[in-house]
């Protein structure tokens, strides 16, 4: 975990890659960074892609109605 966070802080891995290296979810690593007072830098283009993917998953499960 600490190694993944160090790589993230050194800009040697992204917020998407760090949790994979640490063996946790993206949400887990964001919580850990927040608890440690480490700012989270989000790439807007990645965020849009992630939101689109989440929307599709929720629609497939019938948890979100598309308009």
PDB file of N, CA and C in Angstrom:
ATOM      1  N   UNK A   1       0.823  -1.185   0.000  1.00  0.00           N
ATOM      2  CA  UNK A   1       0.000   0.000   0.000  1.00  0.00           C
ATOM      3  C   UNK A   1       0.867   1.248   0.000  1.00  0.00           C
ATOM      4  N   UNK A   2       1.810   1.316   0.949  1.00  0.00           N
ATOM      5  CA  UNK A   2       2.657   2.505   1.049  1.00  0.00           C
ATOM      6  C   UNK A   2       3.466   2.732  -0.220  1.00  0.00           C
ATOM      7  N   UNK A   3       3.928   1.650  -0.822  1.00  0.00           N
ATOM      8  CA  UNK A   3       4.709   1.774  -2.057  1.00  0.00           C
ATOM      9  C   UNK A   3       3.851   2.362  -3.184  1.00  0.00           C
ATOM     10  N   UNK A   4       2.625   1.918  -3.298  1.00  0.00           N
ATOM     11  CA  UNK A   4       1.721   2.447  -4.327  1.00  0.00           C
ATOM     12  C   UNK A   4       1.451   3.929  -4.092  1.00  0.00           C
ATOM     13  N   UNK A   5       1.280   4.316  -2.840  1.00  0.00           N
ATOM     14  CA  UNK A   5       1.040   5.725  -2.518  1.00  0.00           C
ATOM     15  C   UNK A   5       2.277   6.559  -2.821  1.00  0.00           C
ATOM     16  N   UNK A   6       3.449   6.031  -2.506  1.00  0.00           N
ATOM     17  CA  UNK A   6       4.690   6.745  -2.825  1.00  0.00           C
ATOM     18  C   UNK A   6       4.832   6.950  -4.331  1.00  0.00           C
ATOM     19  N   UNK A   7       4.507   5.940  -5.119  1.00  0.00           N
ATOM     20  CA  UNK A   7       4.570   6.070  -6.577  1.00  0.00           C
ATOM     21  C   UNK A   7       3.569   7.110  -7.067  1.00  0.00           C
ATOM     22  N   UNK A   8       2.382   7.117  -6.477  1.00  0.00           N
ATOM     23  CA  UNK A   8       1.362   8.105  -6.840  1.00  0.00           C
ATOM     24  C   UNK A   8       1.857   9.515  -6.516  1.00  0.00           C
ATOM     25  N   UNK A   9       2.421   9.693  -5.326  1.00  0.00           N
ATOM     26  CA  UNK A   9       2.910  11.011  -4.912  1.00  0.00           C
ATOM     27  C   UNK A   9       4.064  11.495  -5.781  1.00  0.00           C
ATOM     28  N   UNK A  10       4.855  10.559  -6.287  1.00  0.00           N
ATOM     29  CA  UNK A  10       5.995  10.908  -7.144  1.00  0.00           C
ATOM     30  C   UNK A  10       5.578  11.044  -8.606  1.00  0.00           C
ATOM     31  N   UNK A  11       4.269  10.973  -8.878  1.00  0.00           N
ATOM     32  CA  UNK A  11       3.738  11.023 -10.250  1.00  0.00           C
ATOM     33  C   UNK A  11       4.292   9.906 -11.125  1.00  0.00           C
ATOM     34  N   UNK A  12       4.566   8.765 -10.501  1.00  0.00           N
ATOM     35  CA  UNK A  12       5.068   7.620 -11.260  1.00  0.00           C
ATOM     36  C   UNK A  12       3.968   6.605 -11.540  1.00  0.00           C
ATOM     37  N   UNK A  13       2.786   6.826 -10.962  1.00  0.00           N
ATOM     38  CA  UNK A  13       1.614   6.028 -11.317  1.00  0.00           C
ATOM     39  C   UNK A  13       0.374   6.884 -11.090  1.00  0.00           C
ATOM     40  N   UNK A  14      -0.685   6.535 -11.781  1.00  0.00           N
ATOM     41  CA  UNK A  14      -1.926   7.312 -11.726  1.00  0.00           C
ATOM     42  C   UNK A  14      -2.808   6.854 -10.571  1.00  0.00           C
ATOM     43  N   UNK A  15      -3.859   7.621 -10.343  1.00  0.00           N
ATOM     44  CA  UNK A  15      -4.838   7.248  -9.331  1.00  0.00           C
ATOM     45  C   UNK A  15      -5.562   5.962  -9.725  1.00  0.00           C
ATOM     46  N   UNK A  16      -5.620   5.679 -11.008  1.00  0.00           N
ATOM     47  CA  UNK A  16      -6.219   4.432 -11.476  1.00  0.00           C
ATOM     48  C   UNK A  16      -5.301   3.234 -11.301  1.00  0.00           C
ATOM     49  N   UNK A  17      -4.009   3.455 -11.396  1.00  0.00           N
ATOM     50  CA  UNK A  17      -3.030   2.367 -11.298  1.00  0.00           C
ATOM     51  C   UNK A  17      -2.660   2.051  -9.846  1.00  0.00           C
ATOM     52  N   UNK A  18      -2.618   3.067  -8.994  1.00  0.00           N
ATOM     53  CA  UNK A  18      -2.195   2.875  -7.598  1.00  0.00           C
ATOM     54  C   UNK A  18      -3.000   1.808  -6.857  1.00  0.00           C
ATOM     55  N   UNK A  19      -4.341   1.802  -6.965  1.00  0.00           N
ATOM     56  CA  UNK A  19      -5.073   0.758  -6.241  1.00  0.00           C
ATOM     57  C   UNK A  19      -4.800  -0.647  -6.771  1.00  0.00           C
ATOM     58  N   UNK A  20      -4.519  -0.756  -8.062  1.00  0.00           N
ATOM     59  CA  UNK A  20      -4.191  -2.070  -8.624  1.00  0.00           C
ATOM     60  C   UNK A  20      -2.884  -2.577  -8.031  1.00  0.00           C
ATOM     61  N   UNK A  21      -1.921  -1.675  -7.878  1.00  0.00           N
ATOM     62  CA  UNK A  21      -0.640  -2.057  -7.283  1.00  0.00           C
ATOM     63  C   UNK A  21      -0.796  -2.424  -5.809  1.00  0.00           C
ATOM     64  N   UNK A  22      -1.713  -1.732  -5.130  1.00  0.00           N
ATOM     65  CA  UNK A  22      -1.914  -1.953  -3.699  1.00  0.00           C
ATOM     66  C   UNK A  22      -2.879  -3.100  -3.400  1.00  0.00           C
ATOM     67  N   UNK A  23      -3.608  -3.556  -4.427  1.00  0.00           N
ATOM     68  CA  UNK A  23      -4.558  -4.646  -4.224  1.00  0.00           C
ATOM     69  C   UNK A  23      -5.840  -4.211  -3.536  1.00  0.00           C
ATOM     70  N   UNK A  24      -6.224  -2.943  -3.764  1.00  0.00           N
ATOM     71  CA  UNK A  24      -7.467  -2.427  -3.190  1.00  0.00           C
ATOM     72  C   UNK A  24      -8.281  -1.769  -4.303  1.00  0.00           C
ATOM     73  N   UNK A  25      -9.488  -1.333  -3.979  1.00  0.00           N
ATOM     74  CA  UNK A  25     -10.305  -0.645  -4.974  1.00  0.00           C
ATOM     75  C   UNK A  25      -9.893   0.816  -5.068  1.00  0.00           C
ATOM     76  N   UNK A  26     -10.329   1.454  -6.133  1.00  0.00           N
ATOM     77  CA  UNK A  26     -10.041   2.884  -6.301  1.00  0.00           C
ATOM     78  C   UNK A  26     -10.659   3.684  -5.159  1.00  0.00           C
ATOM     79  N   UNK A  27     -11.867   3.276  -4.736  1.00  0.00           N
ATOM     80  CA  UNK A  27     -12.538   3.990  -3.647  1.00  0.00           C
ATOM     81  C   UNK A  27     -11.748   3.836  -2.356  1.00  0.00           C
ATOM     82  N   UNK A  28     -11.190   2.645  -2.123  1.00  0.00           N
ATOM     83  CA  UNK A  28     -10.383   2.421  -0.917  1.00  0.00           C
ATOM     84  C   UNK A  28      -9.166   3.337  -0.907  1.00  0.00           C
ATOM     85  N   UNK A  29      -8.464   3.407  -2.033  1.00  0.00           N
ATOM     86  CA  UNK A  29      -7.246   4.217  -2.055  1.00  0.00           C
ATOM     87  C   UNK A  29      -7.583   5.693  -1.914  1.00  0.00           C
ATOM     88  N   UNK A  30      -8.712   6.127  -2.474  1.00  0.00           N
ATOM     89  CA  UNK A  30      -9.112   7.524  -2.307  1.00  0.00           C
ATOM     90  C   UNK A  30      -9.393   7.823  -0.832  1.00  0.00           C
ATOM     91  N   UNK A  31     -10.032   6.893  -0.139  1.00  0.00           N
ATOM     92  CA  UNK A  31     -10.283   7.071   1.295  1.00  0.00           C
ATOM     93  C   UNK A  31      -8.974   7.147   2.074  1.00  0.00           C
ATOM     94  N   UNK A  32      -8.039   6.270   1.739  1.00  0.00           N
ATOM     95  CA  UNK A  32      -6.748   6.242   2.434  1.00  0.00           C
ATOM     96  C   UNK A  32      -5.983   7.540   2.193  1.00  0.00           C
ATOM     97  N   UNK A  33      -5.964   7.998   0.941  1.00  0.00           N
ATOM     98  CA  UNK A  33      -5.283   9.259   0.630  1.00  0.00           C
ATOM     99  C   UNK A  33      -5.926  10.405   1.407  1.00  0.00           C
ATOM    100  N   UNK A  34      -7.232  10.421   1.460  1.00  0.00           N
ATOM    101  CA  UNK A  34      -7.951  11.468   2.185  1.00  0.00           C
ATOM    102  C   UNK A  34      -7.615  11.432   3.676  1.00  0.00           C
ATOM    103  N   UNK A  35      -7.590  10.234   4.257  1.00  0.00           N
ATOM    104  CA  UNK A  35      -7.266  10.081   5.676  1.00  0.00           C
ATOM    105  C   UNK A  35      -5.853  10.569   5.981  1.00  0.00           C
ATOM    106  N   UNK A  36      -4.957  10.434   5.019  1.00  0.00           N
ATOM    107  CA  UNK A  36      -3.563  10.864   5.201  1.00  0.00           C
ATOM    108  C   UNK A  36      -3.352  12.323   4.797  1.00  0.00           C
ATOM    109  N   UNK A  37      -4.430  12.979   4.384  1.00  0.00           N
ATOM    110  CA  UNK A  37      -4.327  14.383   4.005  1.00  0.00           C
ATOM    111  C   UNK A  37      -3.639  14.612   2.672  1.00  0.00           C
ATOM    112  N   UNK A  38      -3.648  13.593   1.818  1.00  0.00           N
ATOM    113  CA  UNK A  38      -3.005  13.673   0.506  1.00  0.00           C
ATOM    114  C   UNK A  38      -4.046  14.098  -0.520  1.00  0.00           C
ATOM    115  N   UNK A  39      -3.789  15.215  -1.228  1.00  0.00           N
ATOM    116  CA  UNK A  39      -4.758  15.660  -2.233  1.00  0.00           C
ATOM    117  C   UNK A  39      -4.877  14.669  -3.384  1.00  0.00           C
ATOM    118  N   UNK A  40      -6.087  14.555  -3.904  1.00  0.00           N
ATOM    119  CA  UNK A  40      -6.357  13.652  -5.017  1.00  0.00           C
ATOM    120  C   UNK A  40      -6.465  14.475  -6.287  1.00  0.00           C
ATOM    121  N   UNK A  41      -5.608  14.160  -7.243  1.00  0.00           N
ATOM    122  CA  UNK A  41      -5.647  14.848  -8.527  1.00  0.00           C
ATOM    123  C   UNK A  41      -6.413  13.977  -9.507  1.00  0.00           C
ATOM    124  N   UNK A  42      -7.451  14.547 -10.100  1.00  0.00           N
ATOM    125  CA  UNK A  42      -8.296  13.792 -11.018  1.00  0.00           C
ATOM    126  C   UNK A  42      -8.158  14.361 -12.417  1.00  0.00           C
ATOM    127  N   UNK A  43      -7.883  13.484 -13.365  1.00  0.00           N
ATOM    128  CA  UNK A  43      -7.833  13.858 -14.774  1.00  0.00           C
ATOM    129  C   UNK A  43      -9.271  13.896 -15.277  1.00  0.00           C
ATOM    130  N   UNK A  44      -9.705  15.067 -15.707  1.00  0.00           N
ATOM    131  CA  UNK A  44     -11.111  15.232 -16.112  1.00  0.00           C
ATOM    132  C   UNK A  44     -11.529  14.264 -17.208  1.00  0.00           C
ATOM    133  N   UNK A  45     -10.670  13.983 -18.160  1.00  0.00           N
ATOM    134  CA  UNK A  45     -11.049  13.074 -19.242  1.00  0.00           C
ATOM    135  C   UNK A  45     -11.262  11.661 -18.707  1.00  0.00           C
ATOM    136  N   UNK A  46     -10.448  11.247 -17.742  1.00  0.00           N
ATOM    137  CA  UNK A  46     -10.648   9.932 -17.137  1.00  0.00           C
ATOM    138  C   UNK A  46     -11.945   9.909 -16.339  1.00  0.00           C
ATOM    139  N   UNK A  47     -12.245  10.994 -15.659  1.00  0.00           N
ATOM    140  CA  UNK A  47     -13.447  11.032 -14.843  1.00  0.00           C
ATOM    141  C   UNK A  47     -14.700  10.871 -15.691  1.00  0.00           C
ATOM    142  N   UNK A  48     -14.740  11.521 -16.841  1.00  0.00           N
ATOM    143  CA  UNK A  48     -15.893  11.404 -17.730  1.00  0.00           C
ATOM    144  C   UNK A  48     -16.030   9.964 -18.205  1.00  0.00           C
ATOM    145  N   UNK A  49     -14.923   9.351 -18.606  1.00  0.00           N
ATOM    146  CA  UNK A  49     -14.955   7.957 -19.049  1.00  0.00           C
ATOM    147  C   UNK A  49     -15.427   7.037 -17.927  1.00  0.00           C
ATOM    148  N   UNK A  50     -14.942   7.278 -16.712  1.00  0.00           N
ATOM    149  CA  UNK A  50     -15.344   6.449 -15.581  1.00  0.00           C
ATOM    150  C   UNK A  50     -16.825   6.618 -15.271  1.00  0.00           C
ATOM    151  N   UNK A  51     -17.329   7.845 -15.340  1.00  0.00           N
ATOM    152  CA  UNK A  51     -18.747   8.080 -15.091  1.00  0.00           C
ATOM    153  C   UNK A  51     -19.608   7.415 -16.160  1.00  0.00           C
ATOM    154  N   UNK A  52     -19.163   7.460 -17.404  1.00  0.00           N
ATOM    155  CA  UNK A  52     -19.895   6.781 -18.476  1.00  0.00           C
ATOM    156  C   UNK A  52     -19.950   5.278 -18.222  1.00  0.00           C
ATOM    157  N   UNK A  53     -18.822   4.705 -17.808  1.00  0.00           N
ATOM    158  CA  UNK A  53     -18.769   3.267 -17.534  1.00  0.00           C
ATOM    159  C   UNK A  53     -19.683   2.910 -16.363  1.00  0.00           C
ATOM    160  N   UNK A  54     -19.664   3.728 -15.321  1.00  0.00           N
ATOM    161  CA  UNK A  54     -20.528   3.482 -14.167  1.00  0.00           C
ATOM    162  C   UNK A  54     -21.997   3.581 -14.560  1.00  0.00           C
ATOM    163  N   UNK A  55     -22.334   4.574 -15.359  1.00  0.00           N
ATOM    164  CA  UNK A  55     -23.712   4.743 -15.824  1.00  0.00           C
ATOM    165  C   UNK A  55     -24.175   3.511 -16.590  1.00  0.00           C
ATOM    166  N   UNK A  56     -23.326   3.000 -17.476  1.00  0.00           N
ATOM    167  CA  UNK A  56     -23.678   1.807 -18.257  1.00  0.00           C
ATOM    168  C   UNK A  56     -23.889   0.602 -17.352  1.00  0.00           C
ATOM    169  N   UNK A  57     -23.003   0.425 -16.344  1.00  0.00           N
ATOM    170  CA  UNK A  57     -23.144  -0.710 -15.428  1.00  0.00           C
ATOM    171  C   UNK A  57     -24.459  -0.620 -14.655  1.00  0.00           C
ATOM    172  N   UNK A  58     -24.795   0.581 -14.185  1.00  0.00           N
ATOM    173  CA  UNK A  58     -26.041   0.750 -13.430  1.00  0.00           C
ATOM    174  C   UNK A  58     -27.265   0.524 -14.308  1.00  0.00           C
ATOM    175  N   UNK A  59     -27.196   0.984 -15.561  1.00  0.00           N
ATOM    176  CA  UNK A  59     -28.309   0.761 -16.490  1.00  0.00           C
ATOM    177  C   UNK A  59     -28.490  -0.730 -16.758  1.00  0.00           C
ATOM    178  N   UNK A  60     -27.396  -1.449 -16.946  1.00  0.00           N
ATOM    179  CA  UNK A  60     -27.470  -2.893 -17.215  1.00  0.00           C
ATOM    180  C   UNK A  60     -28.089  -3.651 -16.046  1.00  0.00           C
ATOM    181  N   UNK A  61     -27.848  -3.171 -14.838  1.00  0.00           N
ATOM    182  CA  UNK A  61     -28.402  -3.821 -13.657  1.00  0.00           C
ATOM    183  C   UNK A  61     -29.820  -3.354 -13.355  1.00  0.00           C
ATOM    184  N   UNK A  62     -30.331  -2.426 -14.179  1.00  0.00           N
ATOM    185  CA  UNK A  62     -31.677  -1.915 -13.959  1.00  0.00           C
ATOM    186  C   UNK A  62     -31.776  -0.941 -12.801  1.00  0.00           C
ATOM    187  N   UNK A  63     -30.638  -0.405 -12.381  1.00  0.00           N
ATOM    188  CA  UNK A  63     -30.630   0.517 -11.253  1.00  0.00           C
ATOM    189  C   UNK A  63     -30.693   1.978 -11.674  1.00  0.00           C
ATOM    190  N   UNK A  64     -30.614   2.210 -12.977  1.00  0.00           N
ATOM    191  CA  UNK A  64     -30.647   3.573 -13.492  1.00  0.00           C
ATOM    192  C   UNK A  64     -31.418   3.569 -14.798  1.00  0.00           C
ATOM    193  N   UNK A  65     -32.343   4.476 -14.914  1.00  0.00           N
ATOM    194  CA  UNK A  65     -33.112   4.585 -16.153  1.00  0.00           C
ATOM    195  C   UNK A  65     -32.428   5.574 -17.071  1.00  0.00           C
ATOM    196  N   UNK A  66     -32.190   5.189 -18.311  1.00  0.00           N
ATOM    197  CA  UNK A  66     -31.593   6.125 -19.265  1.00  0.00           C
ATOM    198  C   UNK A  66     -32.681   7.031 -19.808  1.00  0.00           C
ATOM    199  N   UNK A  67     -32.292   8.264 -20.076  1.00  0.00           N
ATOM    200  CA  UNK A  67     -33.292   9.210 -20.589  1.00  0.00           C
ATOM    201  C   UNK A  67     -33.008   9.590 -22.016  1.00  0.00           C
TER     202      UNK A  67
END
